[in-house]
Amino acid sequence: MNYRLATKGGTDIDDIIDDITSALLKIKSFAAGYYVNINKVVLMGYSAGGQLALSYAYKHFAESPVTPV
């Protein structure tokens, strides 16, 4: 998955977090179509992507559609 860049007066961190949640929901739905049960996922990235992965896993752990590890 990729992420939008934050812009002044436009996209902010909440929008980016929503994008991650949407992507995880899509991945979970896609996997279910193949009868694969996804309970946990690894979120990772390089540089800003790594920071977003860690921020999401720590701050949005309880509301994530799958468990980030």
PDB file of N, CA and C in Angstrom:
ATOM      1  N   MET A   1       0.840  -1.162   0.000  1.00  0.00           N
ATOM      2  CA  MET A   1       0.000   0.000   0.000  1.00  0.00           C
ATOM      3  C   MET A   1       0.887   1.227   0.000  1.00  0.00           C
ATOM      4  N   ASN A   2       0.369   2.310  -0.446  1.00  0.00           N
ATOM      5  CA  ASN A   2       1.093   3.571  -0.459  1.00  0.00           C
ATOM      6  C   ASN A   2       0.318   4.566   0.397  1.00  0.00           C
ATOM      7  N   TYR A   3       0.820   5.750   0.551  1.00  0.00           N
ATOM      8  CA  TYR A   3       0.152   6.746   1.374  1.00  0.00           C
ATOM      9  C   TYR A   3       0.186   8.098   0.677  1.00  0.00           C
ATOM     10  N   ARG A   4      -0.810   8.918   1.023  1.00  0.00           N
ATOM     11  CA  ARG A   4      -0.836  10.286   0.497  1.00  0.00           C
ATOM     12  C   ARG A   4       0.131  11.143   1.284  1.00  0.00           C
ATOM     13  N   LEU A   5       0.659  12.137   0.656  1.00  0.00           N
ATOM     14  CA  LEU A   5       1.508  13.089   1.358  1.00  0.00           C
ATOM     15  C   LEU A   5       0.639  14.105   2.079  1.00  0.00           C
ATOM     16  N   ALA A   6       1.028  14.446   3.287  1.00  0.00           N
ATOM     17  CA  ALA A   6       0.313  15.476   4.043  1.00  0.00           C
ATOM     18  C   ALA A   6       0.576  16.829   3.392  1.00  0.00           C
ATOM     19  N   THR A   7      -0.444  17.636   3.288  1.00  0.00           N
ATOM     20  CA  THR A   7      -0.308  18.958   2.693  1.00  0.00           C
ATOM     21  C   THR A   7      -0.936  20.000   3.614  1.00  0.00           C
ATOM     22  N   LYS A   8      -0.407  21.170   3.570  1.00  0.00           N
ATOM     23  CA  LYS A   8      -0.930  22.255   4.386  1.00  0.00           C
ATOM     24  C   LYS A   8      -2.333  22.613   3.911  1.00  0.00           C
ATOM     25  N   GLY A   9      -3.302  22.504   4.831  1.00  0.00           N
ATOM     26  CA  GLY A   9      -4.675  22.832   4.491  1.00  0.00           C
ATOM     27  C   GLY A   9      -5.391  21.753   3.692  1.00  0.00           C
ATOM     28  N   GLY A  10      -4.774  20.589   3.521  1.00  0.00           N
ATOM     29  CA  GLY A  10      -5.399  19.512   2.735  1.00  0.00           C
ATOM     30  C   GLY A  10      -5.343  18.205   3.500  1.00  0.00           C
ATOM     31  N   THR A  11      -4.587  17.261   2.991  1.00  0.00           N
ATOM     32  CA  THR A  11      -4.444  15.949   3.610  1.00  0.00           C
ATOM     33  C   THR A  11      -3.659  16.061   4.911  1.00  0.00           C
ATOM     34  N   ASP A  12      -4.173  15.405   5.961  1.00  0.00           N
ATOM     35  CA  ASP A  12      -3.445  15.405   7.227  1.00  0.00           C
ATOM     36  C   ASP A  12      -3.252  13.973   7.712  1.00  0.00           C
ATOM     37  N   ILE A  13      -2.662  13.801   8.867  1.00  0.00           N
ATOM     38  CA  ILE A  13      -2.335  12.479   9.389  1.00  0.00           C
ATOM     39  C   ILE A  13      -3.592  11.627   9.580  1.00  0.00           C
ATOM     40  N   ASP A  14      -4.710  12.236   9.937  1.00  0.00           N
ATOM     41  CA  ASP A  14      -5.950  11.467  10.103  1.00  0.00           C
ATOM     42  C   ASP A  14      -6.404  10.854   8.781  1.00  0.00           C
ATOM     43  N   ASP A  15      -6.238  11.592   7.684  1.00  0.00           N
ATOM     44  CA  ASP A  15      -6.579  11.062   6.362  1.00  0.00           C
ATOM     45  C   ASP A  15      -5.671   9.887   6.002  1.00  0.00           C
ATOM     46  N   ILE A  16      -4.395  10.012   6.329  1.00  0.00           N
ATOM     47  CA  ILE A  16      -3.434   8.961   6.022  1.00  0.00           C
ATOM     48  C   ILE A  16      -3.741   7.706   6.836  1.00  0.00           C
ATOM     49  N   ILE A  17      -4.082   7.876   8.110  1.00  0.00           N
ATOM     50  CA  ILE A  17      -4.455   6.745   8.965  1.00  0.00           C
ATOM     51  C   ILE A  17      -5.715   6.072   8.410  1.00  0.00           C
ATOM     52  N   ASP A  18      -6.675   6.867   7.953  1.00  0.00           N
ATOM     53  CA  ASP A  18      -7.889   6.311   7.338  1.00  0.00           C
ATOM     54  C   ASP A  18      -7.544   5.497   6.086  1.00  0.00           C
ATOM     55  N   ASP A  19      -6.548   5.960   5.322  1.00  0.00           N
ATOM     56  CA  ASP A  19      -6.103   5.218   4.140  1.00  0.00           C
ATOM     57  C   ASP A  19      -5.545   3.848   4.533  1.00  0.00           C
ATOM     58  N   ILE A  20      -4.782   3.803   5.613  1.00  0.00           N
ATOM     59  CA  ILE A  20      -4.217   2.531   6.075  1.00  0.00           C
ATOM     60  C   ILE A  20      -5.344   1.593   6.498  1.00  0.00           C
ATOM     61  N   THR A  21      -6.305   2.112   7.252  1.00  0.00           N
ATOM     62  CA  THR A  21      -7.444   1.295   7.677  1.00  0.00           C
ATOM     63  C   THR A  21      -8.210   0.776   6.466  1.00  0.00           C
ATOM     64  N   SER A  22      -8.447   1.627   5.483  1.00  0.00           N
ATOM     65  CA  SER A  22      -9.155   1.209   4.266  1.00  0.00           C
ATOM     66  C   SER A  22      -8.396   0.120   3.525  1.00  0.00           C
ATOM     67  N   ALA A  23      -7.084   0.260   3.444  1.00  0.00           N
ATOM     68  CA  ALA A  23      -6.271  -0.748   2.767  1.00  0.00           C
ATOM     69  C   ALA A  23      -6.327  -2.077   3.509  1.00  0.00           C
ATOM     70  N   LEU A  24      -6.275  -2.042   4.830  1.00  0.00           N
ATOM     71  CA  LEU A  24      -6.350  -3.280   5.606  1.00  0.00           C
ATOM     72  C   LEU A  24      -7.712  -3.955   5.447  1.00  0.00           C
ATOM     73  N   LEU A  25      -8.774  -3.169   5.401  1.00  0.00           N
ATOM     74  CA  LEU A  25     -10.103  -3.726   5.166  1.00  0.00           C
ATOM     75  C   LEU A  25     -10.187  -4.387   3.782  1.00  0.00           C
ATOM     76  N   LYS A  26      -9.602  -3.747   2.792  1.00  0.00           N
ATOM     77  CA  LYS A  26      -9.611  -4.291   1.428  1.00  0.00           C
ATOM     78  C   LYS A  26      -8.810  -5.592   1.367  1.00  0.00           C
ATOM     79  N   ILE A  27      -7.650  -5.618   2.022  1.00  0.00           N
ATOM     80  CA  ILE A  27      -6.826  -6.827   2.047  1.00  0.00           C
ATOM     81  C   ILE A  27      -7.573  -7.963   2.738  1.00  0.00           C
ATOM     82  N   LYS A  28      -8.218  -7.655   3.851  1.00  0.00           N
ATOM     83  CA  LYS A  28      -8.974  -8.672   4.590  1.00  0.00           C
ATOM     84  C   LYS A  28     -10.127  -9.200   3.737  1.00  0.00           C
ATOM     85  N   SER A  29     -10.824  -8.323   3.050  1.00  0.00           N
ATOM     86  CA  SER A  29     -11.930  -8.720   2.180  1.00  0.00           C
ATOM     87  C   SER A  29     -11.428  -9.579   1.017  1.00  0.00           C
ATOM     88  N   PHE A  30     -10.335  -9.175   0.417  1.00  0.00           N
ATOM     89  CA  PHE A  30      -9.755  -9.918  -0.700  1.00  0.00           C
ATOM     90  C   PHE A  30      -9.347 -11.322  -0.253  1.00  0.00           C
ATOM     91  N   ALA A  31      -8.717 -11.408   0.913  1.00  0.00           N
ATOM     92  CA  ALA A  31      -8.293 -12.708   1.441  1.00  0.00           C
ATOM     93  C   ALA A  31      -9.491 -13.607   1.722  1.00  0.00           C
ATOM     94  N   ALA A  32     -10.567 -13.038   2.243  1.00  0.00           N
ATOM     95  CA  ALA A  32     -11.771 -13.823   2.544  1.00  0.00           C
ATOM     96  C   ALA A  32     -12.362 -14.428   1.275  1.00  0.00           C
ATOM     97  N   GLY A  33     -12.201 -13.738   0.155  1.00  0.00           N
ATOM     98  CA  GLY A  33     -12.671 -14.259  -1.125  1.00  0.00           C
ATOM     99  C   GLY A  33     -11.947 -15.530  -1.534  1.00  0.00           C
ATOM    100  N   TYR A  34     -10.752 -15.714  -0.977  1.00  0.00           N
ATOM    101  CA  TYR A  34      -9.966 -16.924  -1.242  1.00  0.00           C
ATOM    102  C   TYR A  34      -9.973 -17.867  -0.036  1.00  0.00           C
ATOM    103  N   TYR A  35     -10.894 -17.618   0.883  1.00  0.00           N
ATOM    104  CA  TYR A  35     -11.041 -18.432   2.099  1.00  0.00           C
ATOM    105  C   TYR A  35      -9.772 -18.456   2.945  1.00  0.00           C
ATOM    106  N   VAL A  36      -9.087 -17.330   2.985  1.00  0.00           N
ATOM    107  CA  VAL A  36      -7.909 -17.174   3.828  1.00  0.00           C
ATOM    108  C   VAL A  36      -8.297 -16.274   4.990  1.00  0.00           C
ATOM    109  N   ASN A  37      -8.121 -16.764   6.201  1.00  0.00           N
ATOM    110  CA  ASN A  37      -8.456 -15.987   7.385  1.00  0.00           C
ATOM    111  C   ASN A  37      -7.218 -15.200   7.825  1.00  0.00           C
ATOM    112  N   ILE A  38      -7.319 -13.900   7.756  1.00  0.00           N
ATOM    113  CA  ILE A  38      -6.198 -13.046   8.164  1.00  0.00           C
ATOM    114  C   ILE A  38      -6.515 -12.471   9.536  1.00  0.00           C
ATOM    115  N   ASN A  39      -5.728 -12.844  10.526  1.00  0.00           N
ATOM    116  CA  ASN A  39      -5.898 -12.314  11.874  1.00  0.00           C
ATOM    117  C   ASN A  39      -4.830 -11.292  12.224  1.00  0.00           C
ATOM    118  N   LYS A  40      -3.646 -11.470  11.656  1.00  0.00           N
ATOM    119  CA  LYS A  40      -2.533 -10.578  11.966  1.00  0.00           C
ATOM    120  C   LYS A  40      -1.820 -10.183  10.681  1.00  0.00           C
ATOM    121  N   VAL A  41      -1.295  -8.972  10.669  1.00  0.00           N
ATOM    122  CA  VAL A  41      -0.489  -8.502   9.535  1.00  0.00           C
ATOM    123  C   VAL A  41       0.747  -7.801  10.076  1.00  0.00           C
ATOM    124  N   VAL A  42       1.769  -7.791   9.271  1.00  0.00           N
ATOM    125  CA  VAL A  42       2.980  -7.046   9.606  1.00  0.00           C
ATOM    126  C   VAL A  42       2.909  -5.728   8.848  1.00  0.00           C
ATOM    127  N   LEU A  43       2.989  -4.642   9.585  1.00  0.00           N
ATOM    128  CA  LEU A  43       3.053  -3.318   8.973  1.00  0.00           C
ATOM    129  C   LEU A  43       4.497  -2.875   9.008  1.00  0.00           C
ATOM    130  N   MET A  44       5.022  -2.498   7.862  1.00  0.00           N
ATOM    131  CA  MET A  44       6.418  -2.073   7.809  1.00  0.00           C
ATOM    132  C   MET A  44       6.594  -1.053   6.703  1.00  0.00           C
ATOM    133  N   GLY A  45       7.667  -0.364   6.772  1.00  0.00           N
ATOM    134  CA  GLY A  45       7.960   0.621   5.752  1.00  0.00           C
ATOM    135  C   GLY A  45       9.364   1.153   5.943  1.00  0.00           C
ATOM    136  N   TYR A  46       9.750   1.987   5.042  1.00  0.00           N
ATOM    137  CA  TYR A  46      11.071   2.597   5.070  1.00  0.00           C
ATOM    138  C   TYR A  46      10.887   4.106   5.208  1.00  0.00           C
ATOM    139  N   SER A  47      11.616   4.709   6.110  1.00  0.00           N
ATOM    140  CA  SER A  47      11.576   6.149   6.335  1.00  0.00           C
ATOM    141  C   SER A  47      10.172   6.573   6.792  1.00  0.00           C
ATOM    142  N   ALA A  48       9.498   7.425   6.045  1.00  0.00           N
ATOM    143  CA  ALA A  48       8.176   7.908   6.459  1.00  0.00           C
ATOM    144  C   ALA A  48       7.163   6.759   6.531  1.00  0.00           C
ATOM    145  N   GLY A  49       7.290   5.783   5.653  1.00  0.00           N
ATOM    146  CA  GLY A  49       6.400   4.627   5.690  1.00  0.00           C
ATOM    147  C   GLY A  49       6.571   3.829   6.968  1.00  0.00           C
ATOM    148  N   GLY A  50       7.799   3.722   7.457  1.00  0.00           N
ATOM    149  CA  GLY A  50       8.063   3.041   8.716  1.00  0.00           C
ATOM    150  C   GLY A  50       7.458   3.790   9.887  1.00  0.00           C
ATOM    151  N   GLN A  51       7.561   5.101   9.843  1.00  0.00           N
ATOM    152  CA  GLN A  51       6.973   5.927  10.906  1.00  0.00           C
ATOM    153  C   GLN A  51       5.463   5.782  10.917  1.00  0.00           C
ATOM    154  N   LEU A  52       4.845   5.753   9.742  1.00  0.00           N
ATOM    155  CA  LEU A  52       3.391   5.577   9.665  1.00  0.00           C
ATOM    156  C   LEU A  52       2.979   4.196  10.153  1.00  0.00           C
ATOM    157  N   ALA A  53       3.753   3.169   9.800  1.00  0.00           N
ATOM    158  CA  ALA A  53       3.445   1.805  10.247  1.00  0.00           C
ATOM    159  C   ALA A  53       3.503   1.718  11.769  1.00  0.00           C
ATOM    160  N   LEU A  54       4.540   2.284  12.365  1.00  0.00           N
ATOM    161  CA  LEU A  54       4.657   2.255  13.826  1.00  0.00           C
ATOM    162  C   LEU A  54       3.565   3.081  14.490  1.00  0.00           C
ATOM    163  N   SER A  55       3.299   4.251  13.958  1.00  0.00           N
ATOM    164  CA  SER A  55       2.250   5.107  14.525  1.00  0.00           C
ATOM    165  C   SER A  55       0.907   4.404  14.481  1.00  0.00           C
ATOM    166  N   TYR A  56       0.609   3.779  13.357  1.00  0.00           N
ATOM    167  CA  TYR A  56      -0.660   3.072  13.222  1.00  0.00           C
ATOM    168  C   TYR A  56      -0.738   1.917  14.205  1.00  0.00           C
ATOM    169  N   ALA A  57       0.311   1.118  14.262  1.00  0.00           N
ATOM    170  CA  ALA A  57       0.303  -0.068  15.124  1.00  0.00           C
ATOM    171  C   ALA A  57       0.171   0.308  16.598  1.00  0.00           C
ATOM    172  N   TYR A  58       0.830   1.369  17.016  1.00  0.00           N
ATOM    173  CA  TYR A  58       0.768   1.770  18.419  1.00  0.00           C
ATOM    174  C   TYR A  58      -0.521   2.498  18.776  1.00  0.00           C
ATOM    175  N   LYS A  59      -0.910   3.444  17.943  1.00  0.00           N
ATOM    176  CA  LYS A  59      -2.025   4.315  18.296  1.00  0.00           C
ATOM    177  C   LYS A  59      -3.393   3.739  17.915  1.00  0.00           C
ATOM    178  N   HIS A  60      -3.454   2.927  16.869  1.00  0.00           N
ATOM    179  CA  HIS A  60      -4.741   2.455  16.347  1.00  0.00           C
ATOM    180  C   HIS A  60      -4.871   0.940  16.433  1.00  0.00           C
ATOM    181  N   PHE A  61      -4.119   0.340  17.339  1.00  0.00           N
ATOM    182  CA  PHE A  61      -4.110  -1.110  17.522  1.00  0.00           C
ATOM    183  C   PHE A  61      -5.515  -1.644  17.789  1.00  0.00           C
ATOM    184  N   ALA A  62      -6.249  -1.017  18.705  1.00  0.00           N
ATOM    185  CA  ALA A  62      -7.556  -1.517  19.147  1.00  0.00           C
ATOM    186  C   ALA A  62      -8.624  -1.409  18.046  1.00  0.00           C
ATOM    187  N   GLU A  63      -8.512  -0.439  17.179  1.00  0.00           N
ATOM    188  CA  GLU A  63      -9.558  -0.237  16.163  1.00  0.00           C
ATOM    189  C   GLU A  63      -9.207  -0.806  14.799  1.00  0.00           C
ATOM    190  N   SER A  64      -8.035  -1.407  14.673  1.00  0.00           N
ATOM    191  CA  SER A  64      -7.596  -1.951  13.390  1.00  0.00           C
ATOM    192  C   SER A  64      -8.443  -3.161  12.999  1.00  0.00           C
ATOM    193  N   PRO A  65      -8.774  -3.300  11.694  1.00  0.00           N
ATOM    194  CA  PRO A  65      -9.572  -4.440  11.266  1.00  0.00           C
ATOM    195  C   PRO A  65      -8.829  -5.775  11.377  1.00  0.00           C
ATOM    196  N   VAL A  66      -7.518  -5.733  11.442  1.00  0.00           N
ATOM    197  CA  VAL A  66      -6.684  -6.897  11.716  1.00  0.00           C
ATOM    198  C   VAL A  66      -5.648  -6.485  12.744  1.00  0.00           C
ATOM    199  N   THR A  67      -5.042  -7.435  13.428  1.00  0.00           N
ATOM    200  CA  THR A  67      -4.080  -7.101  14.470  1.00  0.00           C
ATOM    201  C   THR A  67      -2.717  -6.807  13.872  1.00  0.00           C
ATOM    202  N   PRO A  68      -2.232  -5.569  13.986  1.00  0.00           N
ATOM    203  CA  PRO A  68      -0.889  -5.275  13.503  1.00  0.00           C
ATOM    204  C   PRO A  68       0.156  -5.831  14.453  1.00  0.00           C
ATOM    205  N   VAL A  69       1.171  -6.488  13.905  1.00  0.00           N
ATOM    206  CA  VAL A  69       2.261  -7.023  14.717  1.00  0.00           C
ATOM    207  C   VAL A  69       3.568  -6.393  14.332  1.00  0.00           C
TER     208      VAL A  69
END
